[in-house]
Amino acid sequence: MLDGEMRPIAARVLITLIVLAFVIGVSVFVNSRFQGSFAAGIIVLVLPFLALSFSLPYLLPVRCPKCSGKMRFHFLKQKTDSRQMYAYVCDRCTERHEWEGASSSSSFDS
């Protein structure tokens, strides 16, 4: 699956599964080993969670479904008409796979 042929949606699912498995495993570890200590939870759970969340989109190889070119993860500049914050962008054809929900009208932003 990590051979460079992953589609953007598959990458999102894989990122979600990896982070979810990590959080569940570490939560059980912190609760059993450190009796649910807040400081241990921050060090052992939150900091690696943030590192995984920010690094996995950059590390997973993703191919464009349109032209099979390499897609890279980018944080997008916010425009006044668009609330998209991040997307996979193709190097060849500039196809963008914006992450759904970023432009949802149900957000807390006004």
N, C-alpha and C. Protein backbone atom coordinates (compact mmCIF):
# COMPACT_ATOMS: atom_id res chain seq x y z
N MET A 1 0.81 -1.18 0.00
CA MET A 1 0.00 0.00 0.00
C MET A 1 0.87 1.27 0.00
N LEU A 2 2.10 1.17 0.48
CA LEU A 2 2.98 2.33 0.51
C LEU A 2 3.91 2.35 -0.69
N ASP A 3 3.50 1.80 -1.81
CA ASP A 3 4.36 1.71 -2.99
C ASP A 3 4.21 2.92 -3.91
N GLY A 4 3.55 3.97 -3.48
CA GLY A 4 3.42 5.18 -4.29
C GLY A 4 2.17 5.21 -5.13
N GLU A 5 1.31 4.23 -5.02
CA GLU A 5 0.10 4.17 -5.83
C GLU A 5 -1.15 4.49 -5.01
N MET A 6 -0.99 5.08 -3.85
CA MET A 6 -2.12 5.37 -2.97
C MET A 6 -2.87 6.60 -3.48
N ARG A 7 -4.16 6.53 -3.45
CA ARG A 7 -5.01 7.65 -3.82
C ARG A 7 -5.18 8.57 -2.61
N PRO A 8 -5.57 9.83 -2.82
CA PRO A 8 -5.72 10.75 -1.69
C PRO A 8 -6.71 10.28 -0.64
N ILE A 9 -7.81 9.67 -1.06
CA ILE A 9 -8.80 9.20 -0.10
C ILE A 9 -8.24 8.05 0.73
N ALA A 10 -7.51 7.15 0.09
CA ALA A 10 -6.88 6.04 0.82
C ALA A 10 -5.86 6.57 1.82
N ALA A 11 -5.15 7.62 1.45
CA ALA A 11 -4.17 8.22 2.37
C ALA A 11 -4.88 8.80 3.59
N ARG A 12 -6.00 9.46 3.37
CA ARG A 12 -6.76 10.02 4.50
C ARG A 12 -7.26 8.92 5.43
N VAL A 13 -7.75 7.83 4.86
CA VAL A 13 -8.24 6.71 5.67
C VAL A 13 -7.09 6.10 6.45
N LEU A 14 -5.95 5.90 5.80
CA LEU A 14 -4.78 5.31 6.45
C LEU A 14 -4.28 6.21 7.58
N ILE A 15 -4.23 7.52 7.35
CA ILE A 15 -3.81 8.46 8.39
C ILE A 15 -4.75 8.36 9.59
N THR A 16 -6.05 8.33 9.32
CA THR A 16 -7.03 8.24 10.40
C THR A 16 -6.87 6.95 11.19
N LEU A 17 -6.67 5.83 10.50
CA LEU A 17 -6.51 4.55 11.18
C LEU A 17 -5.23 4.48 12.00
N ILE A 18 -4.13 5.00 11.47
CA ILE A 18 -2.86 4.99 12.20
C ILE A 18 -2.98 5.84 13.46
N VAL A 19 -3.52 7.03 13.33
CA VAL A 19 -3.64 7.93 14.48
C VAL A 19 -4.61 7.36 15.50
N LEU A 20 -5.72 6.79 15.05
CA LEU A 20 -6.70 6.19 15.97
C LEU A 20 -6.09 5.01 16.73
N ALA A 21 -5.38 4.13 16.03
CA ALA A 21 -4.74 2.99 16.69
C ALA A 21 -3.70 3.47 17.70
N PHE A 22 -2.95 4.50 17.34
CA PHE A 22 -1.95 5.05 18.26
C PHE A 22 -2.61 5.61 19.51
N VAL A 23 -3.66 6.39 19.34
CA VAL A 23 -4.33 7.02 20.49
C VAL A 23 -4.94 5.96 21.41
N ILE A 24 -5.57 4.94 20.84
CA ILE A 24 -6.16 3.88 21.66
C ILE A 24 -5.08 3.13 22.42
N GLY A 25 -4.02 2.74 21.72
CA GLY A 25 -2.95 1.99 22.37
C GLY A 25 -2.25 2.79 23.46
N VAL A 26 -1.95 4.02 23.19
CA VAL A 26 -1.25 4.84 24.19
C VAL A 26 -2.17 5.21 25.35
N SER A 27 -3.45 5.40 25.09
CA SER A 27 -4.39 5.67 26.19
C SER A 27 -4.45 4.50 27.16
N VAL A 28 -4.51 3.30 26.63
CA VAL A 28 -4.51 2.10 27.48
C VAL A 28 -3.19 2.02 28.25
N PHE A 29 -2.07 2.31 27.58
CA PHE A 29 -0.75 2.27 28.22
C PHE A 29 -0.66 3.30 29.35
N VAL A 30 -1.07 4.52 29.10
CA VAL A 30 -0.98 5.58 30.11
C VAL A 30 -1.90 5.26 31.29
N ASN A 31 -3.09 4.76 31.02
CA ASN A 31 -4.01 4.44 32.11
C ASN A 31 -3.52 3.27 32.95
N SER A 32 -2.89 2.28 32.34
CA SER A 32 -2.44 1.12 33.11
C SER A 32 -1.07 1.34 33.76
N ARG A 33 -0.17 1.99 33.07
CA ARG A 33 1.20 2.16 33.58
C ARG A 33 1.34 3.38 34.49
N PHE A 34 0.70 4.48 34.16
CA PHE A 34 0.85 5.72 34.91
C PHE A 34 -0.42 6.12 35.65
N GLN A 35 -1.39 5.23 35.78
CA GLN A 35 -2.66 5.48 36.47
C GLN A 35 -3.34 6.75 35.97
N GLY A 36 -3.25 7.01 34.67
CA GLY A 36 -3.95 8.14 34.07
C GLY A 36 -3.34 9.48 34.40
N SER A 37 -2.07 9.53 34.69
CA SER A 37 -1.40 10.79 35.04
C SER A 37 -1.52 11.81 33.91
N PHE A 38 -1.85 13.06 34.29
CA PHE A 38 -2.01 14.11 33.29
C PHE A 38 -0.70 14.41 32.59
N ALA A 39 0.39 14.54 33.35
CA ALA A 39 1.70 14.84 32.77
C ALA A 39 2.17 13.73 31.83
N ALA A 40 1.97 12.49 32.24
CA ALA A 40 2.35 11.36 31.37
C ALA A 40 1.49 11.33 30.12
N GLY A 41 0.22 11.69 30.26
CA GLY A 41 -0.66 11.75 29.10
C GLY A 41 -0.21 12.79 28.10
N ILE A 42 0.22 13.94 28.60
CA ILE A 42 0.70 15.00 27.70
C ILE A 42 1.96 14.55 26.98
N ILE A 43 2.90 13.99 27.72
CA ILE A 43 4.20 13.61 27.13
C ILE A 43 4.07 12.39 26.23
N VAL A 44 3.36 11.37 26.68
CA VAL A 44 3.32 10.10 25.96
C VAL A 44 2.22 10.06 24.90
N LEU A 45 1.17 10.85 25.06
CA LEU A 45 0.05 10.79 24.13
C LEU A 45 -0.05 12.02 23.24
N VAL A 46 -0.13 13.19 23.80
CA VAL A 46 -0.44 14.39 23.03
C VAL A 46 0.69 14.80 22.10
N LEU A 47 1.92 14.84 22.60
CA LEU A 47 3.03 15.28 21.75
C LEU A 47 3.27 14.34 20.56
N PRO A 48 3.31 13.00 20.76
CA PRO A 48 3.43 12.12 19.59
C PRO A 48 2.21 12.17 18.67
N PHE A 49 1.02 12.37 19.24
CA PHE A 49 -0.19 12.50 18.43
C PHE A 49 -0.06 13.69 17.48
N LEU A 50 0.38 14.82 17.99
CA LEU A 50 0.56 16.00 17.15
C LEU A 50 1.64 15.77 16.09
N ALA A 51 2.72 15.12 16.48
CA ALA A 51 3.78 14.82 15.51
C ALA A 51 3.27 13.91 14.40
N LEU A 52 2.52 12.88 14.75
CA LEU A 52 1.94 11.98 13.73
C LEU A 52 0.95 12.73 12.84
N SER A 53 0.11 13.53 13.43
CA SER A 53 -0.92 14.23 12.67
C SER A 53 -0.33 15.19 11.63
N PHE A 54 0.77 15.84 11.98
CA PHE A 54 1.38 16.78 11.05
C PHE A 54 2.34 16.11 10.07
N SER A 55 2.98 15.00 10.46
CA SER A 55 3.99 14.40 9.59
C SER A 55 3.44 13.36 8.61
N LEU A 56 2.42 12.61 8.99
CA LEU A 56 1.91 11.55 8.11
C LEU A 56 1.45 12.04 6.74
N PRO A 57 0.74 13.16 6.62
CA PRO A 57 0.35 13.61 5.27
C PRO A 57 1.55 13.89 4.36
N TYR A 58 2.67 14.31 4.94
CA TYR A 58 3.87 14.57 4.15
C TYR A 58 4.63 13.30 3.82
N LEU A 59 4.55 12.28 4.69
CA LEU A 59 5.34 11.06 4.52
C LEU A 59 4.70 10.03 3.59
N LEU A 60 3.38 9.99 3.53
CA LEU A 60 2.71 8.98 2.70
C LEU A 60 2.76 9.36 1.22
N PRO A 61 3.20 8.43 0.37
CA PRO A 61 3.23 8.72 -1.07
C PRO A 61 1.84 8.63 -1.67
N VAL A 62 1.44 9.68 -2.37
CA VAL A 62 0.09 9.75 -2.95
C VAL A 62 0.21 10.05 -4.44
N ARG A 63 -0.59 9.34 -5.25
CA ARG A 63 -0.63 9.54 -6.70
C ARG A 63 -1.93 10.21 -7.11
N CYS A 64 -1.84 11.04 -8.13
CA CYS A 64 -3.00 11.75 -8.67
C CYS A 64 -3.92 10.75 -9.38
N PRO A 65 -5.22 10.76 -9.07
CA PRO A 65 -6.14 9.86 -9.76
C PRO A 65 -6.36 10.26 -11.22
N LYS A 66 -6.05 11.51 -11.57
CA LYS A 66 -6.28 12.00 -12.93
C LYS A 66 -5.13 11.66 -13.88
N CYS A 67 -3.87 11.98 -13.47
CA CYS A 67 -2.74 11.79 -14.37
C CYS A 67 -1.66 10.86 -13.82
N SER A 68 -1.85 10.29 -12.64
CA SER A 68 -0.90 9.41 -11.96
C SER A 68 0.40 10.11 -11.59
N GLY A 69 0.40 11.42 -11.54
CA GLY A 69 1.56 12.17 -11.08
C GLY A 69 1.64 12.17 -9.56
N LYS A 70 2.76 12.59 -9.03
CA LYS A 70 2.95 12.62 -7.59
C LYS A 70 2.19 13.81 -7.00
N MET A 71 1.46 13.54 -5.92
CA MET A 71 0.74 14.60 -5.22
C MET A 71 1.47 14.91 -3.92
N ARG A 72 1.51 16.19 -3.59
CA ARG A 72 2.14 16.64 -2.36
C ARG A 72 1.11 17.32 -1.48
N PHE A 73 1.32 17.20 -0.19
CA PHE A 73 0.42 17.81 0.79
C PHE A 73 0.82 19.26 0.99
N HIS A 74 -0.16 20.17 0.95
CA HIS A 74 0.09 21.59 1.13
C HIS A 74 -0.96 22.20 2.04
N PHE A 75 -0.52 23.11 2.90
CA PHE A 75 -1.46 23.98 3.60
C PHE A 75 -1.73 25.12 2.64
N LEU A 76 -2.99 25.41 2.41
CA LEU A 76 -3.37 26.43 1.44
C LEU A 76 -3.59 27.76 2.13
N LYS A 77 -3.28 28.80 1.42
CA LYS A 77 -3.54 30.15 1.93
C LYS A 77 -5.05 30.37 1.93
N GLN A 78 -5.53 30.93 3.01
CA GLN A 78 -6.96 31.18 3.08
C GLN A 78 -7.33 32.40 2.26
N LYS A 79 -8.37 32.24 1.47
CA LYS A 79 -8.91 33.34 0.69
C LYS A 79 -10.22 33.77 1.32
N THR A 80 -10.68 34.90 0.96
CA THR A 80 -11.94 35.36 1.54
C THR A 80 -13.13 34.54 1.06
N ASP A 81 -13.04 33.97 -0.14
CA ASP A 81 -14.16 33.21 -0.67
C ASP A 81 -14.04 31.70 -0.41
N SER A 82 -12.94 31.25 0.11
CA SER A 82 -12.75 29.82 0.33
C SER A 82 -12.16 29.58 1.72
N ARG A 83 -12.67 28.57 2.39
CA ARG A 83 -12.15 28.22 3.70
C ARG A 83 -11.28 26.97 3.66
N GLN A 84 -10.93 26.47 2.48
CA GLN A 84 -10.08 25.30 2.37
C GLN A 84 -8.74 25.59 3.03
N MET A 85 -8.31 24.70 3.88
CA MET A 85 -7.08 24.95 4.62
C MET A 85 -5.93 24.06 4.16
N TYR A 86 -6.22 22.87 3.62
CA TYR A 86 -5.16 21.96 3.19
C TYR A 86 -5.68 21.05 2.09
N ALA A 87 -4.73 20.56 1.29
CA ALA A 87 -5.10 19.71 0.15
C ALA A 87 -3.88 18.96 -0.35
N TYR A 88 -4.13 17.87 -1.06
CA TYR A 88 -3.09 17.23 -1.85
C TYR A 88 -3.13 17.88 -3.22
N VAL A 89 -1.98 18.33 -3.72
CA VAL A 89 -1.89 19.02 -5.01
C VAL A 89 -0.95 18.24 -5.90
N CYS A 90 -1.39 17.97 -7.15
CA CYS A 90 -0.57 17.22 -8.10
C CYS A 90 0.54 18.11 -8.65
N ASP A 91 1.74 17.52 -8.79
CA ASP A 91 2.88 18.25 -9.35
C ASP A 91 2.73 18.47 -10.85
N ARG A 92 2.07 17.54 -11.55
CA ARG A 92 1.97 17.60 -13.01
C ARG A 92 0.79 18.43 -13.50
N CYS A 93 -0.40 18.05 -13.07
CA CYS A 93 -1.60 18.66 -13.66
C CYS A 93 -2.28 19.67 -12.73
N THR A 94 -1.72 19.96 -11.60
CA THR A 94 -2.25 20.87 -10.58
C THR A 94 -3.66 20.50 -10.10
N GLU A 95 -4.02 19.23 -10.23
CA GLU A 95 -5.27 18.72 -9.66
C GLU A 95 -5.18 18.84 -8.13
N ARG A 96 -6.25 19.30 -7.51
CA ARG A 96 -6.26 19.44 -6.06
C ARG A 96 -7.30 18.51 -5.46
N HIS A 97 -6.89 17.81 -4.40
CA HIS A 97 -7.84 17.01 -3.63
C HIS A 97 -7.94 17.68 -2.27
N GLU A 98 -8.91 18.58 -2.16
CA GLU A 98 -9.09 19.31 -0.90
C GLU A 98 -9.79 18.41 0.10
N TRP A 99 -9.38 18.51 1.32
CA TRP A 99 -9.96 17.68 2.36
C TRP A 99 -11.35 18.16 2.67
N GLU A 100 -12.31 17.25 2.56
CA GLU A 100 -13.72 17.58 2.76
C GLU A 100 -13.95 18.07 4.18
N GLY A 101 -14.89 18.97 4.32
CA GLY A 101 -15.22 19.50 5.63
C GLY A 101 -14.51 20.79 5.94
N ALA A 102 -13.43 21.09 5.21
CA ALA A 102 -12.71 22.32 5.48
C ALA A 102 -13.54 23.53 5.04
N SER A 103 -14.43 23.36 4.07
CA SER A 103 -15.26 24.47 3.61
C SER A 103 -16.70 24.33 4.09
N SER A 104 -16.91 23.50 5.09
CA SER A 104 -18.25 23.28 5.58
C SER A 104 -18.81 24.53 6.25
N SER A 105 -20.08 24.77 6.06
CA SER A 105 -20.72 25.94 6.68
C SER A 105 -21.03 25.67 8.15
N SER A 106 -20.74 24.47 8.62
CA SER A 106 -21.06 24.13 10.02
C SER A 106 -19.89 24.39 10.96
N SER A 107 -18.87 25.12 10.50
CA SER A 107 -17.74 25.39 11.38
C SER A 107 -18.07 26.53 12.35
N PHE A 108 -17.21 26.73 13.33
CA PHE A 108 -17.42 27.77 14.31
C PHE A 108 -16.99 29.14 13.82
N ASP A 109 -16.22 29.19 12.73
CA ASP A 109 -15.76 30.48 12.19
C ASP A 109 -16.93 31.25 11.60
N SER A 110 -16.90 32.54 11.75
CA SER A 110 -17.97 33.37 11.19
C SER A 110 -17.50 34.06 9.94
